[in-house]
Protein backbone atom coordinates (compact mmCIF):
# COMPACT_ATOMS: atom_id res chain seq x y z
CA PRO A 1 127.21 88.92 103.87
CA PHE A 2 124.01 88.82 101.81
CA ALA A 3 123.34 85.92 99.49
CA ALA A 4 121.69 86.47 96.13
CA ARG A 5 118.22 84.96 95.99
CA SER A 6 116.35 84.08 92.80
CA HIS A 7 112.58 84.22 93.12
CA HIS A 8 109.91 83.27 90.63
CA TRP A 9 106.59 84.93 89.90
CA GLN A 10 103.81 83.50 87.77
CA GLY A 11 100.90 85.89 87.51
CA PRO A 12 97.52 84.26 88.08
CA GLY A 13 94.89 84.76 85.46
CA CYS A 14 97.28 84.69 82.49
CA GLU A 15 96.12 82.50 79.67
CA ASN A 16 99.54 81.19 78.68
CA GLY A 17 101.32 81.86 81.94
CA CYS A 18 104.47 83.90 82.39
CA GLN A 19 107.48 83.95 84.63
CA VAL A 20 109.83 86.66 85.80
CA THR A 21 113.10 85.84 87.52
CA GLY A 22 115.35 88.23 89.36
CA SER A 23 118.42 88.00 91.59
CA PHE A 24 119.31 90.68 94.08
CA TYR A 25 120.98 91.21 97.43
CA ALA A 26 118.66 91.86 100.31
CA CYS A 27 118.42 91.57 104.07
CA ALA A 28 115.02 91.63 105.71
CA PRO A 29 114.56 93.56 108.99
CA PRO A 30 115.28 91.51 112.14
CA GLU A 31 111.66 91.41 113.24
CA SER A 32 110.71 89.59 110.04
CA GLN A 33 113.29 86.84 110.60
CA THR A 34 111.35 84.91 113.23
CA PRO A 35 112.83 81.39 113.65
CA GLY A 36 110.61 78.59 112.46
CA ILE A 37 108.38 80.80 110.32
CA PRO A 38 108.83 80.14 106.59
CA ILE A 39 108.72 82.92 104.05
CA GLU A 40 105.44 82.82 102.20
CA PRO A 41 105.83 81.86 98.52
CA SER A 42 103.66 84.86 97.67
CA ILE A 43 106.12 87.13 99.46
CA ARG A 44 109.04 85.59 97.56
CA SER A 45 107.10 86.13 94.36
CA GLY A 46 106.47 89.69 95.46
CA GLU A 47 110.20 90.37 95.62
CA ALA A 48 110.58 89.26 92.00
CA LEU A 49 107.54 91.27 90.97
CA ALA A 50 109.00 94.36 92.63
CA LEU A 51 112.15 93.97 90.55
CA SER A 52 110.27 93.84 87.27
CA ASP A 53 107.32 96.18 87.84
CA CYS A 54 108.18 99.88 87.55
CA ARG A 55 104.58 101.02 87.13
CA LEU A 56 103.12 103.80 89.25
CA HIS A 57 99.44 104.54 89.71
CA ILE A 58 99.02 108.31 90.04
CA CYS A 59 95.92 110.35 90.88
CA LEU A 60 95.92 114.16 90.70
CA TYR A 61 93.45 116.21 92.74
CA TYR A 62 92.24 119.79 93.01
CA ARG A 63 90.67 120.19 96.47
CA GLU A 64 89.95 116.43 96.70
CA ILE A 65 88.35 116.39 93.23
CA LEU A 66 90.04 113.85 90.94
CA VAL A 67 91.22 115.61 87.78
CA LYS A 68 93.55 112.98 86.30
CA GLU A 69 94.32 109.30 86.84
CA VAL A 70 97.16 107.55 85.03
CA THR A 71 99.41 104.50 85.31
CA THR A 72 102.98 105.09 84.19
CA SER A 73 105.18 102.29 82.89
CA SER A 74 108.54 103.80 81.90
CA PRO A 75 111.60 102.30 83.66
CA GLU A 76 113.01 105.84 83.72
CA GLY A 77 110.10 107.07 85.82
CA CYS A 78 107.79 110.03 85.37
CA ARG A 79 107.59 113.76 85.89
CA ILE A 80 104.57 115.40 87.54
CA SER A 81 104.36 119.01 86.41
CA HIS A 82 102.21 121.66 84.75
CA GLY A 83 102.57 123.24 81.34
CA GLN A 84 104.62 122.17 78.33
CA SER A 85 108.06 120.68 78.95
CA TYR A 86 110.79 121.54 76.45
CA GLU A 87 113.36 119.15 77.92
CA VAL A 88 114.30 116.06 75.91
CA SER A 89 113.62 113.18 78.24
CA SER A 90 112.42 109.59 78.33
CA LEU A 91 110.41 110.35 81.45
CA GLU A 92 106.66 109.93 81.16
CA GLN A 93 104.93 113.28 81.55
CA VAL A 94 102.04 113.52 84.02
CA ILE A 95 100.59 116.99 83.57
CA PHE A 96 98.21 118.79 85.90
CA PRO A 97 95.34 120.04 83.70
CA TYR A 98 94.19 123.63 83.64
CA PRO A 99 91.56 124.07 86.37
CA GLU A 100 87.95 124.57 85.43
CA ASP A 101 86.31 127.89 86.12
CA ASN A 102 85.41 127.92 89.78
CA GLY A 103 85.99 129.88 92.95
CA GLN A 104 89.47 128.44 93.50
CA ARG A 105 90.75 128.72 89.94
CA LYS A 106 92.99 131.74 90.57
CA ASN A 107 94.51 130.20 93.68
CA ILE A 108 95.17 126.90 91.91
CA GLU A 109 96.68 128.59 88.84
CA LYS A 110 98.96 130.63 91.09
CA LEU A 111 100.43 127.42 92.51
CA LEU A 112 100.58 125.70 89.12
CA ASN A 113 102.75 128.50 87.73
CA HIS A 114 105.58 127.30 89.98
CA LEU A 115 105.45 123.65 88.85
CA GLU A 116 107.19 124.09 85.50
CA ARG A 117 110.00 121.54 86.07
CA GLY A 118 107.91 119.48 88.43
CA VAL A 119 108.95 116.51 90.52
CA ILE A 120 110.48 113.27 89.21
CA LEU A 121 109.33 109.90 90.56
CA TRP A 122 110.84 106.51 89.77
CA MET A 123 110.90 102.93 91.01
CA ALA A 124 114.26 101.36 91.80
CA PRO A 125 114.62 97.72 92.93
CA ASP A 126 114.67 98.84 96.56
CA GLY A 127 111.81 101.32 96.47
CA LEU A 128 110.22 104.55 95.24
CA TYR A 129 112.28 107.73 94.94
CA ALA A 130 111.51 111.38 94.23
CA LYS A 131 113.47 114.45 93.21
CA ARG A 132 111.93 117.91 93.27
CA LEU A 133 113.08 120.24 90.47
CA CYS A 134 110.37 122.92 90.54
CA GLN A 135 110.31 126.17 92.51
CA SER A 136 107.11 125.20 94.29
CA ARG A 137 107.44 123.72 97.74
CA ILE A 138 106.34 120.08 97.92
CA TYR A 139 105.37 118.30 101.11
CA TRP A 140 104.72 114.58 101.38
CA ASP A 141 103.35 111.83 103.57
CA GLY A 142 103.91 108.09 103.27
CA PRO A 143 105.46 104.97 104.81
CA LEU A 144 108.92 106.54 105.25
CA ALA A 145 107.81 110.02 106.35
CA LEU A 146 109.71 111.09 109.47
CA CYS A 147 106.77 113.02 110.91
CA SER A 148 103.10 112.06 110.93
CA ASP A 149 101.86 115.24 112.63
CA ARG A 150 104.18 117.79 111.02
CA PRO A 151 105.07 118.68 107.42
CA ASN A 152 107.69 116.63 105.58
CA LYS A 153 109.32 118.73 102.87
CA LEU A 154 110.98 117.54 99.67
CA GLU A 155 114.15 119.59 99.38
CA ARG A 156 114.93 120.91 95.93
CA ASP A 157 117.45 118.95 93.81
CA GLN A 158 117.80 116.27 96.47
CA THR A 159 116.85 112.61 96.03
CA CYS A 160 114.40 111.38 98.66
CA LYS A 161 113.23 107.81 99.26
CA LEU A 162 109.46 107.63 99.75
CA PHE A 163 108.79 103.87 99.87
CA ASP A 164 110.97 100.88 100.81
CA THR A 165 110.28 97.58 99.07
CA GLN A 166 111.86 95.29 101.67
CA GLN A 167 110.08 97.04 104.54
CA PHE A 168 106.75 96.66 102.75
CA LEU A 169 107.30 92.93 102.12
CA ALA A 170 108.42 92.32 105.71
CA GLU A 171 105.33 94.08 107.07
CA LEU A 172 103.15 92.14 104.65
CA GLN A 173 104.58 88.89 105.98
CA ALA A 174 104.01 90.09 109.57
CA PHE A 175 100.37 90.67 108.64
CA ALA A 176 100.07 87.16 107.22
CA HIS A 177 101.71 85.38 110.17
CA HIS A 178 101.01 87.57 113.18
CA GLY A 179 97.89 89.54 112.29
CA ARG A 180 99.71 92.85 112.37
CA PRO A 181 98.31 95.83 110.44
CA LEU A 182 98.67 95.84 106.68
CA PRO A 183 101.58 98.00 105.50
CA ARG A 184 101.14 101.45 104.03
CA TYR A 185 102.12 101.86 100.41
CA GLN A 186 100.47 105.08 99.22
CA VAL A 187 102.45 108.31 99.05
CA ALA A 188 100.71 111.70 99.09
CA LEU A 189 102.31 114.82 97.62
CA CYS A 190 101.03 118.32 98.38
CA PHE A 191 102.13 121.23 96.20
CA GLY A 192 102.63 124.73 97.60
CA GLU A 193 101.05 124.12 101.02
CA GLU A 194 102.32 122.51 104.21
CA PHE A 195 101.18 118.93 104.64
CA PRO A 196 100.07 116.93 106.56
CA ASP A 197 97.99 119.12 108.83
CA PRO A 198 94.47 119.08 110.32
CA GLN A 199 93.08 120.79 107.18
CA ARG A 200 94.26 118.10 104.80
CA GLN A 201 90.99 118.01 102.86
CA ARG A 202 91.32 121.69 101.98
CA LYS A 203 94.58 121.39 100.09
CA LEU A 204 94.43 122.92 96.63
CA ILE A 205 96.78 120.59 94.72
CA THR A 206 97.69 117.04 95.71
CA ALA A 207 98.85 113.82 94.08
CA HIS A 208 98.54 110.24 95.32
CA VAL A 209 101.18 107.78 94.13
CA GLU A 210 101.10 103.99 94.48
CA PRO A 211 103.67 101.42 93.31
CA MET A 212 101.53 98.98 91.34
CA PHE A 213 103.22 95.84 92.63
CA ALA A 214 102.48 96.94 96.22
CA ARG A 215 98.89 97.75 95.34
CA GLN A 216 98.41 94.24 93.95
CA LEU A 217 100.11 92.42 96.84
CA TYR A 218 98.07 94.43 99.33
CA TYR A 219 94.91 93.20 97.65
CA PHE A 220 96.04 89.58 97.58
CA ALA A 221 97.14 89.68 101.21
CA GLN A 222 93.67 90.73 102.29
CA GLN A 223 92.04 88.22 99.97
CA ASN A 224 94.15 85.34 101.28
CA SER A 225 93.25 86.30 104.84
CA GLY A 226 89.57 86.03 104.06
CA HIS A 227 88.92 89.75 103.89
CA LEU A 228 87.91 91.02 100.47
CA LEU A 229 88.39 94.66 99.66
CA ARG A 230 85.07 96.24 98.79
CA GLY A 231 85.11 98.79 96.03
CA TYR A 232 88.80 98.20 95.30
CA ASP A 233 89.82 98.19 91.67
CA LEU A 234 92.31 95.38 91.11
CA PRO A 235 94.54 96.24 88.15
CA GLU A 236 95.50 93.53 85.69
CA LEU A 237 98.70 91.74 86.57
CA VAL A 238 101.76 92.12 84.41
CA THR A 239 101.42 89.60 81.60
CA SER A 240 104.73 90.07 79.82
CA PRO A 241 107.16 92.07 82.00
CA GLU A 242 110.80 92.43 81.04
CA ASP A 243 113.65 92.05 83.49
CA TYR A 244 115.70 95.23 83.63
CA HIS A 245 118.07 97.06 85.90
CA ARG A 246 116.99 100.45 87.24
CA SER A 247 119.66 102.54 88.93
CA ILE A 248 119.09 105.80 90.74
CA ARG A 249 120.31 107.74 87.76
CA HIS A 250 118.12 110.80 88.38
CA SER A 251 120.42 111.98 91.15
CA SER A 252 122.74 113.28 88.42
CA ILE A 253 120.13 115.48 86.73
CA GLN A 254 121.46 118.99 86.45
CA GLU A 255 119.59 122.20 87.07
C-alpha cells in the first residue's frame, strides 16, 4: 500500500556539492496530507537526510551544569554510561566524568555507581530508539513521551522509541504551511530520579539527546520563515554521508 519514494538532498554550503539518495516506505499522518498542499522540497530532502544521518548530539549535566558535550556518528549507536566498559562493541562510548569536589559529589557518585552498563541509543530510519541495560532507573521526556506531567520510565532490557522521524517531518510541514508550533526533537534522560516533575532543575544527573538531522531542519525551518534563532549553534551539514541500512539490532542484546 505504500510506494517507495526516492528523495534527494544536496547540502548547502558544500564547496563541491554532494547528494544522498534513499528509498523507503512511509506513510505520513492524515493531518499532513492536506489536498492541494505540495510537500516542500526541503521536507523531501529532510527524509533523505534522516536516512543517512545517524549522528546524535548529546549533552551531559550534573545539576544543570554541562560536564560533557559530544556528537556521535556510529551507525551502531552509542552507549551512555559511567566507568570503564569491558564489553567488545562497536558502540560509541559516552562516559559521564567523575564529578568535581562539591557538595553533591557523594550523591552524584552514588547514582553513577549504578550506570555500569548504561543505556544504548541509536538512530534507525524511522526514529530514535533506546534500550536501558543498567541497574539505575532512567526516566525520560520527549516528543513521544506518554505523560508530560508524570514520570516516563525506561524499562530495563526493553526497546523504547523516543523520537519518530515521520511525525517530526509532518509537524515541520504543518509549521511551514499552517503556522503551527515547531515540532519537538530533544529527548531528556534523567538517571536515578523521577522525571519530569516540578523540581526538574534540581536533578543530579541528566542527558539531553538530539538527532542532528532534526536539529538542522529545525533551524532551517525557522530561518525560512523569517525567524532567525539567536544564540543557536548550527552544526556543519554532512558533506560526505554514506547510504546505509540501520536495523533495530540492539533488541537482541543479551544480558
